[in-house]
C-alpha atoms as a PDB file:
ATOM      1  CA  UNK A   1      25.269  78.969 -21.930  1.00  0.00           C
ATOM      2  CA  UNK A   2      25.284  82.400 -20.744  1.00  0.00           C
ATOM      3  CA  UNK A   3      27.826  84.502 -18.997  1.00  0.00           C
ATOM      4  CA  UNK A   4      30.384  82.095 -17.682  1.00  0.00           C
ATOM      5  CA  UNK A   5      33.685  83.701 -17.042  1.00  0.00           C
ATOM      6  CA  UNK A   6      35.349  81.440 -19.518  1.00  0.00           C
ATOM      7  CA  UNK A   7      33.554  79.495 -22.168  1.00  0.00           C
ATOM      8  CA  UNK A   8      33.881  75.874 -21.481  1.00  0.00           C
ATOM      9  CA  UNK A   9      34.073  72.617 -23.343  1.00  0.00           C
ATOM     10  CA  UNK A  10      30.638  72.152 -25.392  1.00  0.00           C
ATOM     11  CA  UNK A  11      28.403  69.516 -23.642  1.00  0.00           C
ATOM     12  CA  UNK A  12      28.744  66.880 -26.386  1.00  0.00           C
ATOM     13  CA  UNK A  13      32.576  66.619 -25.786  1.00  0.00           C
ATOM     14  CA  UNK A  14      31.596  65.540 -22.184  1.00  0.00           C
ATOM     15  CA  UNK A  15      28.944  63.101 -22.609  1.00  0.00           C
ATOM     16  CA  UNK A  16      31.264  60.201 -22.547  1.00  0.00           C
ATOM     17  CA  UNK A  17      32.950  61.315 -19.483  1.00  0.00           C
ATOM     18  CA  UNK A  18      32.452  58.787 -16.628  1.00  0.00           C
ATOM     19  CA  UNK A  19      29.756  59.967 -14.247  1.00  0.00           C
ATOM     20  CA  UNK A  20      30.607  58.910 -10.815  1.00  0.00           C
ATOM     21  CA  UNK A  21      27.987  58.205  -8.196  1.00  0.00           C
ATOM     22  CA  UNK A  22      29.186  61.371  -6.336  1.00  0.00           C
ATOM     23  CA  UNK A  23      28.942  62.244  -2.869  1.00  0.00           C
ATOM     24  CA  UNK A  24      25.751  63.167  -1.225  1.00  0.00           C
ATOM     25  CA  UNK A  25      25.003  66.683  -0.151  1.00  0.00           C
ATOM     26  CA  UNK A  26      24.304  67.119   3.437  1.00  0.00           C
ATOM     27  CA  UNK A  27      23.270  70.358   5.251  1.00  0.00           C
ATOM     28  CA  UNK A  28      25.606  69.445   8.280  1.00  0.00           C
ATOM     29  CA  UNK A  29      28.423  69.417   6.084  1.00  0.00           C
ATOM     30  CA  UNK A  30      27.676  72.835   4.318  1.00  0.00           C
ATOM     31  CA  UNK A  31      26.293  75.123   6.713  1.00  0.00           C
ATOM     32  CA  UNK A  32      25.924  77.643   3.888  1.00  0.00           C
ATOM     33  CA  UNK A  33      23.011  75.549   2.592  1.00  0.00           C
ATOM     34  CA  UNK A  34      20.974  76.525   5.711  1.00  0.00           C
ATOM     35  CA  UNK A  35      21.487  79.905   4.740  1.00  0.00           C
ATOM     36  CA  UNK A  36      20.598  79.275   1.029  1.00  0.00           C
ATOM     37  CA  UNK A  37      17.462  77.434   2.022  1.00  0.00           C
ATOM     38  CA  UNK A  38      16.365  80.352   4.555  1.00  0.00           C
ATOM     39  CA  UNK A  39      16.934  82.798   1.611  1.00  0.00           C
ATOM     40  CA  UNK A  40      14.535  80.623  -0.676  1.00  0.00           C
ATOM     41  CA  UNK A  41      12.134  80.422   2.075  1.00  0.00           C
ATOM     42  CA  UNK A  42      12.032  84.250   2.848  1.00  0.00           C
ATOM     43  CA  UNK A  43      12.510  85.379  -0.724  1.00  0.00           C
ATOM     44  CA  UNK A  44      10.671  83.066  -2.772  1.00  0.00           C
ATOM     45  CA  UNK A  45       7.848  81.306  -0.664  1.00  0.00           C
ATOM     46  CA  UNK A  46       9.648  77.904  -0.675  1.00  0.00           C
ATOM     47  CA  UNK A  47       9.252  75.634   2.545  1.00  0.00           C
ATOM     48  CA  UNK A  48      12.383  74.603   4.020  1.00  0.00           C
ATOM     49  CA  UNK A  49      11.207  70.692   3.471  1.00  0.00           C
ATOM     50  CA  UNK A  50      11.010  71.635  -0.210  1.00  0.00           C
ATOM     51  CA  UNK A  51      14.594  72.859  -0.308  1.00  0.00           C
ATOM     52  CA  UNK A  52      16.004  69.860   1.653  1.00  0.00           C
ATOM     53  CA  UNK A  53      14.032  67.402  -0.498  1.00  0.00           C
ATOM     54  CA  UNK A  54      15.591  69.029  -3.626  1.00  0.00           C
ATOM     55  CA  UNK A  55      19.138  68.628  -2.330  1.00  0.00           C
ATOM     56  CA  UNK A  56      18.433  65.158  -0.863  1.00  0.00           C
ATOM     57  CA  UNK A  57      18.709  63.871  -4.629  1.00  0.00           C
ATOM     58  CA  UNK A  58      21.967  66.016  -5.384  1.00  0.00           C
ATOM     59  CA  UNK A  59      25.587  64.548  -5.737  1.00  0.00           C
ATOM     60  CA  UNK A  60      28.645  66.324  -5.381  1.00  0.00           C
ATOM     61  CA  UNK A  61      30.908  65.402  -8.520  1.00  0.00           C
ATOM     62  CA  UNK A  62      34.466  65.858  -8.960  1.00  0.00           C
ATOM     63  CA  UNK A  63      34.640  65.412 -12.602  1.00  0.00           C
ATOM     64  CA  UNK A  64      32.472  68.463 -12.911  1.00  0.00           C
ATOM     65  CA  UNK A  65      35.188  70.530 -11.381  1.00  0.00           C
ATOM     66  CA  UNK A  66      37.772  69.233 -13.625  1.00  0.00           C
ATOM     67  CA  UNK A  67      35.666  69.981 -16.740  1.00  0.00           C
ATOM     68  CA  UNK A  68      35.648  73.563 -15.523  1.00  0.00           C
ATOM     69  CA  UNK A  69      39.304  73.588 -15.264  1.00  0.00           C
ATOM     70  CA  UNK A  70      39.683  72.512 -18.921  1.00  0.00           C
ATOM     71  CA  UNK A  71      38.388  75.086 -21.146  1.00  0.00           C
ATOM     72  CA  UNK A  72      38.189  74.129 -25.006  1.00  0.00           C
ATOM     73  CA  UNK A  73      39.086  77.809 -25.602  1.00  0.00           C
ATOM     74  CA  UNK A  74      42.539  77.103 -24.480  1.00  0.00           C
ATOM     75  CA  UNK A  75      43.140  75.598 -27.679  1.00  0.00           C
ATOM     76  CA  UNK A  76      44.504  77.526 -30.906  1.00  0.00           C
ATOM     77  CA  UNK A  77      41.759  78.475 -33.318  1.00  0.00           C
ATOM     78  CA  UNK A  78      43.154  76.096 -36.155  1.00  0.00           C
ATOM     79  CA  UNK A  79      42.601  73.251 -33.495  1.00  0.00           C
ATOM     80  CA  UNK A  80      39.368  74.506 -31.853  1.00  0.00           C
ATOM     81  CA  UNK A  81      37.637  74.955 -35.283  1.00  0.00           C
ATOM     82  CA  UNK A  82      37.903  71.272 -36.246  1.00  0.00           C
ATOM     83  CA  UNK A  83      35.753  70.385 -33.382  1.00  0.00           C
ATOM     84  CA  UNK A  84      32.646  71.913 -34.889  1.00  0.00           C
ATOM     85  CA  UNK A  85      33.434  72.711 -38.639  1.00  0.00           C
ATOM     86  CA  UNK A  86      32.876  69.051 -39.846  1.00  0.00           C
ATOM     87  CA  UNK A  87      30.872  67.558 -42.589  1.00  0.00           C
ATOM     88  CA  UNK A  88      28.846  65.735 -40.360  1.00  0.00           C
ATOM     89  CA  UNK A  89      27.640  68.952 -38.307  1.00  0.00           C
ATOM     90  CA  UNK A  90      26.922  70.703 -41.725  1.00  0.00           C
ATOM     91  CA  UNK A  91      24.713  67.934 -42.718  1.00  0.00           C
ATOM     92  CA  UNK A  92      22.997  67.369 -39.666  1.00  0.00           C
ATOM     93  CA  UNK A  93      22.503  71.203 -39.401  1.00  0.00           C
ATOM     94  CA  UNK A  94      21.256  71.387 -42.983  1.00  0.00           C
ATOM     95  CA  UNK A  95      18.557  68.495 -42.171  1.00  0.00           C
ATOM     96  CA  UNK A  96      17.535  70.273 -38.892  1.00  0.00           C
ATOM     97  CA  UNK A  97      17.079  73.770 -40.985  1.00  0.00           C
ATOM     98  CA  UNK A  98      15.164  71.983 -43.768  1.00  0.00           C
ATOM     99  CA  UNK A  99      12.837  70.313 -41.092  1.00  0.00           C
ATOM    100  CA  UNK A 100      12.145  73.219 -38.971  1.00  0.00           C
ATOM    101  CA  UNK A 101      12.330  75.892 -41.902  1.00  0.00           C
ATOM    102  CA  UNK A 102       9.091  77.622 -40.979  1.00  0.00           C
ATOM    103  CA  UNK A 103      10.243  78.247 -37.441  1.00  0.00           C
ATOM    104  CA  UNK A 104      13.565  79.669 -38.863  1.00  0.00           C
ATOM    105  CA  UNK A 105      11.784  81.901 -41.175  1.00  0.00           C
ATOM    106  CA  UNK A 106       9.263  83.209 -38.416  1.00  0.00           C
ATOM    107  CA  UNK A 107      12.287  83.932 -36.259  1.00  0.00           C
ATOM    108  CA  UNK A 108      14.027  85.700 -38.850  1.00  0.00           C
ATOM    109  CA  UNK A 109      10.957  87.883 -39.290  1.00  0.00           C
ATOM    110  CA  UNK A 110       9.961  88.381 -35.696  1.00  0.00           C
ATOM    111  CA  UNK A 111      13.672  88.834 -34.395  1.00  0.00           C
ATOM    112  CA  UNK A 112      15.811  89.793 -37.532  1.00  0.00           C
ATOM    113  CA  UNK A 113      18.262  87.003 -36.502  1.00  0.00           C
ATOM    114  CA  UNK A 114      19.955  85.092 -39.421  1.00  0.00           C
ATOM    115  CA  UNK A 115      18.648  81.570 -39.504  1.00  0.00           C
ATOM    116  CA  UNK A 116      22.096  80.069 -40.348  1.00  0.00           C
ATOM    117  CA  UNK A 117      23.445  81.780 -37.006  1.00  0.00           C
ATOM    118  CA  UNK A 118      20.513  80.206 -34.922  1.00  0.00           C
ATOM    119  CA  UNK A 119      21.379  76.710 -36.669  1.00  0.00           C
ATOM    120  CA  UNK A 120      24.973  76.974 -35.992  1.00  0.00           C
ATOM    121  CA  UNK A 121      24.612  77.800 -32.320  1.00  0.00           C
ATOM    122  CA  UNK A 122      22.436  74.867 -31.678  1.00  0.00           C
ATOM    123  CA  UNK A 123      24.948  72.967 -33.561  1.00  0.00           C
ATOM    124  CA  UNK A 124      27.905  74.034 -31.751  1.00  0.00           C
ATOM    125  CA  UNK A 125      25.977  73.820 -28.364  1.00  0.00           C
ATOM    126  CA  UNK A 126      24.299  70.161 -28.771  1.00  0.00           C
ATOM    127  CA  UNK A 127      24.470  69.007 -32.270  1.00  0.00           C
ATOM    128  CA  UNK A 128      21.017  69.945 -33.069  1.00  0.00           C
ATOM    129  CA  UNK A 129      19.970  68.356 -29.774  1.00  0.00           C
ATOM    130  CA  UNK A 130      21.995  65.088 -30.073  1.00  0.00           C
ATOM    131  CA  UNK A 131      23.912  65.743 -27.062  1.00  0.00           C
ATOM    132  CA  UNK A 132      22.159  68.098 -24.418  1.00  0.00           C
ATOM    133  CA  UNK A 133      23.993  66.526 -21.489  1.00  0.00           C
ATOM    134  CA  UNK A 134      23.713  63.849 -19.091  1.00  0.00           C
ATOM    135  CA  UNK A 135      24.334  65.581 -15.818  1.00  0.00           C
ATOM    136  CA  UNK A 136      21.605  66.008 -13.287  1.00  0.00           C
ATOM    137  CA  UNK A 137      21.368  69.922 -13.252  1.00  0.00           C
ATOM    138  CA  UNK A 138      21.072  69.906  -9.631  1.00  0.00           C
ATOM    139  CA  UNK A 139      24.325  68.016  -9.278  1.00  0.00           C
ATOM    140  CA  UNK A 140      26.111  70.248 -11.424  1.00  0.00           C
ATOM    141  CA  UNK A 141      24.874  73.626  -9.850  1.00  0.00           C
ATOM    142  CA  UNK A 142      25.240  71.964  -6.202  1.00  0.00           C
ATOM    143  CA  UNK A 143      28.836  70.937  -6.888  1.00  0.00           C
ATOM    144  CA  UNK A 144      29.899  74.380  -8.398  1.00  0.00           C
ATOM    145  CA  UNK A 145      28.055  76.357  -5.798  1.00  0.00           C
ATOM    146  CA  UNK A 146      29.629  74.264  -2.662  1.00  0.00           C
ATOM    147  CA  UNK A 147      33.063  73.216  -3.935  1.00  0.00           C
ATOM    148  CA  UNK A 148      34.037  75.506  -6.760  1.00  0.00           C
ATOM    149  CA  UNK A 149      35.279  78.894  -4.624  1.00  0.00           C
ATOM    150  CA  UNK A 150      36.202  80.764  -7.860  1.00  0.00           C
ATOM    151  CA  UNK A 151      32.492  80.938  -8.932  1.00  0.00           C
ATOM    152  CA  UNK A 152      30.532  79.893  -5.950  1.00  0.00           C
ATOM    153  CA  UNK A 153      28.534  82.893  -5.983  1.00  0.00           C
ATOM    154  CA  UNK A 154      27.641  82.671  -9.720  1.00  0.00           C
ATOM    155  CA  UNK A 155      26.371  79.329  -9.059  1.00  0.00           C
ATOM    156  CA  UNK A 156      24.700  79.989  -6.065  1.00  0.00           C
ATOM    157  CA  UNK A 157      22.522  82.446  -8.045  1.00  0.00           C
ATOM    158  CA  UNK A 158      22.102  79.911 -10.933  1.00  0.00           C
ATOM    159  CA  UNK A 159      21.006  77.287  -8.185  1.00  0.00           C
ATOM    160  CA  UNK A 160      18.440  79.830  -6.882  1.00  0.00           C
ATOM    161  CA  UNK A 161      17.362  80.469 -10.572  1.00  0.00           C
ATOM    162  CA  UNK A 162      16.981  76.773 -11.232  1.00  0.00           C
ATOM    163  CA  UNK A 163      14.613  75.894  -8.321  1.00  0.00           C
ATOM    164  CA  UNK A 164      12.490  78.974  -9.421  1.00  0.00           C
ATOM    165  CA  UNK A 165      12.609  77.617 -12.871  1.00  0.00           C
ATOM    166  CA  UNK A 166      11.600  74.180 -12.060  1.00  0.00           C
ATOM    167  CA  UNK A 167       8.546  75.324  -9.915  1.00  0.00           C
ATOM    168  CA  UNK A 168       7.449  77.604 -12.839  1.00  0.00           C
ATOM    169  CA  UNK A 169       7.641  74.582 -15.065  1.00  0.00           C
ATOM    170  CA  UNK A 170       6.207  72.276 -12.661  1.00  0.00           C
ATOM    171  CA  UNK A 171       8.902  69.686 -12.789  1.00  0.00           C
ATOM    172  CA  UNK A 172      10.874  67.872 -10.280  1.00  0.00           C
ATOM    173  CA  UNK A 173      14.211  69.580 -10.046  1.00  0.00           C
ATOM    174  CA  UNK A 174      15.777  66.150  -9.533  1.00  0.00           C
ATOM    175  CA  UNK A 175      14.909  65.093 -12.871  1.00  0.00           C
ATOM    176  CA  UNK A 176      16.368  67.616 -15.147  1.00  0.00           C
ATOM    177  CA  UNK A 177      19.482  66.951 -16.928  1.00  0.00           C
ATOM    178  CA  UNK A 178      21.801  69.191 -18.760  1.00  0.00           C
ATOM    179  CA  UNK A 179      25.777  70.143 -18.837  1.00  0.00           C
ATOM    180  CA  UNK A 180      28.454  69.932 -16.316  1.00  0.00           C
ATOM    181  CA  UNK A 181      27.689  73.803 -16.007  1.00  0.00           C
ATOM    182  CA  UNK A 182      24.090  73.480 -15.596  1.00  0.00           C
ATOM    183  CA  UNK A 183      22.881  74.494 -18.874  1.00  0.00           C
ATOM    184  CA  UNK A 184      19.909  72.685 -20.438  1.00  0.00           C
ATOM    185  CA  UNK A 185      18.244  72.134 -23.747  1.00  0.00           C
ATOM    186  CA  UNK A 186      19.234  72.418 -27.179  1.00  0.00           C
ATOM    187  CA  UNK A 187      20.457  75.632 -26.774  1.00  0.00           C
ATOM    188  CA  UNK A 188      22.284  75.048 -23.506  1.00  0.00           C
ATOM    189  CA  UNK A 189      20.793  77.840 -21.404  1.00  0.00           C
ATOM    190  CA  UNK A 190      21.715  78.119 -17.956  1.00  0.00           C
ATOM    191  CA  UNK A 191      18.701  78.620 -15.470  1.00  0.00           C
ATOM    192  CA  UNK A 192      18.848  82.409 -15.469  1.00  0.00           C
ATOM    193  CA  UNK A 193      18.962  82.478 -19.402  1.00  0.00           C
ATOM    194  CA  UNK A 194      16.123  79.876 -19.492  1.00  0.00           C
ATOM    195  CA  UNK A 195      13.927  82.168 -17.270  1.00  0.00           C
ATOM    196  CA  UNK A 196      14.916  85.307 -19.035  1.00  0.00           C
ATOM    197  CA  UNK A 197      15.022  84.487 -22.882  1.00  0.00           C
ATOM    198  CA  UNK A 198      13.180  81.126 -23.557  1.00  0.00           C
ATOM    199  CA  UNK A 199       9.994  81.578 -25.355  1.00  0.00           C
ATOM    200  CA  UNK A 200       7.064  79.642 -26.653  1.00  0.00           C
ATOM    201  CA  UNK A 201       7.516  79.469 -30.142  1.00  0.00           C
ATOM    202  CA  UNK A 202       5.465  76.495 -31.122  1.00  0.00           C
ATOM    203  CA  UNK A 203       2.464  77.747 -29.558  1.00  0.00           C
ATOM    204  CA  UNK A 204       1.804  75.025 -27.022  1.00  0.00           C
ATOM    205  CA  UNK A 205       1.892  77.498 -23.950  1.00  0.00           C
ATOM    206  CA  UNK A 206       5.175  75.957 -22.509  1.00  0.00           C
ATOM    207  CA  UNK A 207       8.534  77.336 -22.962  1.00  0.00           C
ATOM    208  CA  UNK A 208      10.096  74.112 -23.759  1.00  0.00           C
ATOM    209  CA  UNK A 209      14.016  74.455 -24.877  1.00  0.00           C
ATOM    210  CA  UNK A 210      14.481  70.672 -23.604  1.00  0.00           C
ATOM    211  CA  UNK A 211      12.663  69.150 -26.322  1.00  0.00           C
ATOM    212  CA  UNK A 212      10.792  71.658 -28.706  1.00  0.00           C
ATOM    213  CA  UNK A 213      13.004  72.647 -31.804  1.00  0.00           C
ATOM    214  CA  UNK A 214      10.564  75.552 -32.344  1.00  0.00           C
ATOM    215  CA  UNK A 215      10.959  77.059 -28.687  1.00  0.00           C
ATOM    216  CA  UNK A 216      14.818  76.485 -29.110  1.00  0.00           C
ATOM    217  CA  UNK A 217      14.965  78.365 -32.274  1.00  0.00           C
ATOM    218  CA  UNK A 218      12.819  81.138 -31.070  1.00  0.00           C
ATOM    219  CA  UNK A 219      14.516  81.200 -27.820  1.00  0.00           C
ATOM    220  CA  UNK A 220      18.052  81.584 -29.306  1.00  0.00           C
ATOM    221  CA  UNK A 221      16.657  84.226 -31.743  1.00  0.00           C
ATOM    222  CA  UNK A 222      15.083  86.220 -28.661  1.00  0.00           C
ATOM    223  CA  UNK A 223      18.417  85.842 -26.953  1.00  0.00           C
ATOM    224  CA  UNK A 224      20.522  87.222 -29.716  1.00  0.00           C
ATOM    225  CA  UNK A 225      18.062  90.033 -30.443  1.00  0.00           C
ATOM    226  CA  UNK A 226      18.202  91.351 -26.800  1.00  0.00           C
ATOM    227  CA  UNK A 227      21.903  91.071 -26.885  1.00  0.00           C
ATOM    228  CA  UNK A 228      22.149  93.713 -29.555  1.00  0.00           C
ATOM    229  CA  UNK A 229      21.772  91.752 -32.835  1.00  0.00           C
ATOM    230  CA  UNK A 230      21.181  93.876 -35.931  1.00  0.00           C
ATOM    231  CA  UNK A 231      18.975  92.822 -38.749  1.00  0.00           C
ATOM    232  CA  UNK A 232      20.906  92.331 -42.123  1.00  0.00           C
ATOM    233  CA  UNK A 233      24.042  93.672 -40.589  1.00  0.00           C
ATOM    234  CA  UNK A 234      27.475  91.979 -41.169  1.00  0.00           C
ATOM    235  CA  UNK A 235      29.201  89.715 -38.420  1.00  0.00           C
ATOM    236  CA  UNK A 236      32.872  89.418 -39.769  1.00  0.00           C
ATOM    237  CA  UNK A 237      35.128  90.640 -42.202  1.00  0.00           C
ATOM    238  CA  UNK A 238      38.392  89.898 -43.457  1.00  0.00           C
ATOM    239  CA  UNK A 239      41.066  92.581 -42.702  1.00  0.00           C
ATOM    240  CA  UNK A 240      44.597  93.623 -43.782  1.00  0.00           C
ATOM    241  CA  UNK A 241      46.835  94.981 -40.859  1.00  0.00           C
ATOM    242  CA  UNK A 242      50.118  96.838 -41.405  1.00  0.00           C
ATOM    243  CA  UNK A 243      52.679  98.183 -38.965  1.00  0.00           C
ATOM    244  CA  UNK A 244      52.309  97.825 -35.129  1.00  0.00           C
ATOM    245  CA  UNK A 245      49.659 100.409 -34.144  1.00  0.00           C
ATOM    246  CA  UNK A 246      46.963  97.878 -34.477  1.00  0.00           C
ATOM    247  CA  UNK A 247      47.989  96.668 -30.974  1.00  0.00           C
ATOM    248  CA  UNK A 248      46.258  99.504 -29.344  1.00  0.00           C
ATOM    249  CA  UNK A 249      42.992  98.683 -31.005  1.00  0.00           C
ATOM    250  CA  UNK A 250      43.154  94.862 -30.164  1.00  0.00           C
ATOM    251  CA  UNK A 251      43.649  95.854 -26.526  1.00  0.00           C
ATOM    252  CA  UNK A 252      40.129  97.872 -26.446  1.00  0.00           C
ATOM    253  CA  UNK A 253      38.514  94.259 -26.489  1.00  0.00           C
ATOM    254  CA  UNK A 254      36.050  92.464 -28.457  1.00  0.00           C
ATOM    255  CA  UNK A 255      33.283  95.126 -28.036  1.00  0.00           C
ATOM    256  CA  UNK A 256      33.200  97.318 -31.409  1.00  0.00           C
ATOM    257  CA  UNK A 257      34.508 100.718 -29.990  1.00  0.00           C
ATOM    258  CA  UNK A 258      36.012 102.457 -33.328  1.00  0.00           C
ATOM    259  CA  UNK A 259      34.573 103.165 -36.627  1.00  0.00           C
ATOM    260  CA  UNK A 260      36.271 101.691 -39.397  1.00  0.00           C
ATOM    261  CA  UNK A 261      36.928 105.256 -40.523  1.00  0.00           C
ATOM    262  CA  UNK A 262      39.284 105.593 -37.316  1.00  0.00           C
ATOM    263  CA  UNK A 263      40.553 102.039 -37.771  1.00  0.00           C
ATOM    264  CA  UNK A 264      42.515 103.026 -40.843  1.00  0.00           C
ATOM    265  CA  UNK A 265      44.574 105.220 -38.900  1.00  0.00           C
ATOM    266  CA  UNK A 266      46.052 102.265 -36.915  1.00  0.00           C
ATOM    267  CA  UNK A 267      47.061 100.371 -39.887  1.00  0.00           C
ATOM    268  CA  UNK A 268      43.895  98.465 -40.053  1.00  0.00           C
ATOM    269  CA  UNK A 269      42.518  97.928 -43.483  1.00  0.00           C
ATOM    270  CA  UNK A 270      39.024  96.439 -44.115  1.00  0.00           C
ATOM    271  CA  UNK A 271      37.485  95.679 -47.447  1.00  0.00           C
ATOM    272  CA  UNK A 272      36.934  99.012 -49.468  1.00  0.00           C
ATOM    273  CA  UNK A 273      33.015  98.194 -49.381  1.00  0.00           C
ATOM    274  CA  UNK A 274      33.013  98.310 -45.812  1.00  0.00           C
ATOM    275  CA  UNK A 275      30.569 101.119 -44.311  1.00  0.00           C
ATOM    276  CA  UNK A 276      33.038 103.792 -42.871  1.00  0.00           C
ATOM    277  CA  UNK A 277      31.073 104.827 -39.899  1.00  0.00           C
ATOM    278  CA  UNK A 278      30.400 101.265 -38.878  1.00  0.00           C
ATOM    279  CA  UNK A 279      32.162 100.270 -35.678  1.00  0.00           C
ATOM    280  CA  UNK A 280      34.504  97.082 -35.358  1.00  0.00           C
ATOM    281  CA  UNK A 281      36.610  95.247 -33.119  1.00  0.00           C
ATOM    282  CA  UNK A 282      40.007  93.927 -34.098  1.00  0.00           C
ATOM    283  CA  UNK A 283      39.864  90.020 -33.541  1.00  0.00           C
ATOM    284  CA  UNK A 284      43.377  87.920 -33.599  1.00  0.00           C
ATOM    285  CA  UNK A 285      43.168  84.212 -34.316  1.00  0.00           C
ATOM    286  CA  UNK A 286      45.707  81.585 -34.466  1.00  0.00           C
ATOM    287  CA  UNK A 287      46.096  79.855 -37.596  1.00  0.00           C
ATOM    288  CA  UNK A 288      48.486  76.864 -38.383  1.00  0.00           C
ATOM    289  CA  UNK A 289      50.969  79.090 -40.200  1.00  0.00           C
ATOM    290  CA  UNK A 290      50.543  81.874 -37.627  1.00  0.00           C
ATOM    291  CA  UNK A 291      48.287  84.511 -36.294  1.00  0.00           C
ATOM    292  CA  UNK A 292      45.687  86.281 -38.768  1.00  0.00           C
ATOM    293  CA  UNK A 293      42.906  88.955 -37.894  1.00  0.00           C
ATOM    294  CA  UNK A 294      39.426  89.431 -38.420  1.00  0.00           C
ATOM    295  CA  UNK A 295      37.084  92.527 -37.839  1.00  0.00           C
ATOM    296  CA  UNK A 296      34.135  91.678 -35.490  1.00  0.00           C
ATOM    297  CA  UNK A 297      31.313  93.904 -35.974  1.00  0.00           C
ATOM    298  CA  UNK A 298      28.421  94.225 -33.502  1.00  0.00           C
ATOM    299  CA  UNK A 299      26.844  91.113 -34.464  1.00  0.00           C
ATOM    300  CA  UNK A 300      30.004  89.419 -33.766  1.00  0.00           C
ATOM    301  CA  UNK A 301      29.920  90.898 -30.301  1.00  0.00           C
ATOM    302  CA  UNK A 302      26.171  89.834 -30.018  1.00  0.00           C
ATOM    303  CA  UNK A 303      27.178  86.222 -30.507  1.00  0.00           C
ATOM    304  CA  UNK A 304      29.913  86.576 -27.825  1.00  0.00           C
ATOM    305  CA  UNK A 305      27.015  87.555 -25.268  1.00  0.00           C
ATOM    306  CA  UNK A 306      25.953  84.026 -25.911  1.00  0.00           C
ATOM    307  CA  UNK A 307      29.312  82.776 -25.000  1.00  0.00           C
ATOM    308  CA  UNK A 308      32.123  85.153 -24.311  1.00  0.00           C
ATOM    309  CA  UNK A 309      34.661  83.413 -26.085  1.00  0.00           C
ATOM    310  CA  UNK A 310      35.929  84.662 -29.645  1.00  0.00           C
ATOM    311  CA  UNK A 311      36.748  81.256 -30.877  1.00  0.00           C
ATOM    312  CA  UNK A 312      33.074  80.259 -30.221  1.00  0.00           C
ATOM    313  CA  UNK A 313      31.493  83.210 -31.950  1.00  0.00           C
ATOM    314  CA  UNK A 314      34.162  82.480 -35.055  1.00  0.00           C
ATOM    315  CA  UNK A 315      33.011  78.770 -35.108  1.00  0.00           C
ATOM    316  CA  UNK A 316      29.231  79.914 -35.038  1.00  0.00           C
ATOM    317  CA  UNK A 317      29.908  82.282 -37.916  1.00  0.00           C
ATOM    318  CA  UNK A 318      31.895  79.882 -39.900  1.00  0.00           C
ATOM    319  CA  UNK A 319      29.445  76.995 -39.598  1.00  0.00           C
ATOM    320  CA  UNK A 320      26.438  79.085 -40.227  1.00  0.00           C
ATOM    321  CA  UNK A 321      28.353  80.490 -43.511  1.00  0.00           C
ATOM    322  CA  UNK A 322      28.869  76.894 -44.712  1.00  0.00           C
ATOM    323  CA  UNK A 323      25.288  76.035 -44.036  1.00  0.00           C
ATOM    324  CA  UNK A 324      23.810  79.180 -45.729  1.00  0.00           C
ATOM    325  CA  UNK A 325      26.067  78.612 -48.863  1.00  0.00           C
ATOM    326  CA  UNK A 326      25.144  75.090 -49.070  1.00  0.00           C
ATOM    327  CA  UNK A 327      21.478  75.535 -48.439  1.00  0.00           C
ATOM    328  CA  UNK A 328      21.296  78.442 -51.051  1.00  0.00           C
ATOM    329  CA  UNK A 329      22.836  76.206 -53.657  1.00  0.00           C
ATOM    330  CA  UNK A 330      20.479  73.323 -52.859  1.00  0.00           C
ATOM    331  CA  UNK A 331      17.476  75.455 -53.169  1.00  0.00           C
ATOM    332  CA  UNK A 332      18.423  77.113 -56.371  1.00  0.00           C
END
């Protein structure tokens, strides 16, 4: 799920939510739809009838607004991690990795992205396709475009992207399902991400992240590579922090800004093996016994381009590490 202002509850936590019938979308109640439809006609060659037909099946659902207002990232790290770092998720991920080992290796060779990171993203997002979301995508996007002012402009753009995507895929937009935020498939790409980053990785001439594990694996790898992933580079390191000057580094944000050499001047001490010129960010996490810190390198930042939460990126990293270690032990 890409470029939402706040990372939200993962889709599988919402699959058991009650799906209300919702309120029908009418152009007379929402004049902005007329403007939207006119733009689709003028800019993309749709007919007014095509746009009206699509919105005729859409329903406005208040539970979607409720979900947007309940970010999982409001949880402290020690509670958030328990959602994803489960033995079931590890075992499911290892089975998925083994079954699709050839696709993972091709993704490593073509994009340079570590298989465990790709696998962990698919695990965190949808438990490897088990829970891809039950909301009609058009319901989600219409609700957020029309009834959620804080992100109305963003979701207006995603609705535009979705209708273009449905036309490209030659599918009825009323039939596609996904998350409460309009994200789709195993990797939960929002429409703009689907159009921009999805790839045909299984060679069937279709970019199908909805049902093709190969396409999902390749598309996640492509996303991360284009987000700046560096092959064979570190993601996270433990770090020792002393004094109070570290506060100024933490305020710089999650994008690596200072080299390890400079971090030491602020009382931030990485492992001795760390390359002195490698840039890093200081990440604070809430443990059960209090806050602790990690160094986040460029590859950690690349994961946050997939989902802007540091908690999400840490969950992906730790789940991936568990699977990598387990898989290496099993293949020795």
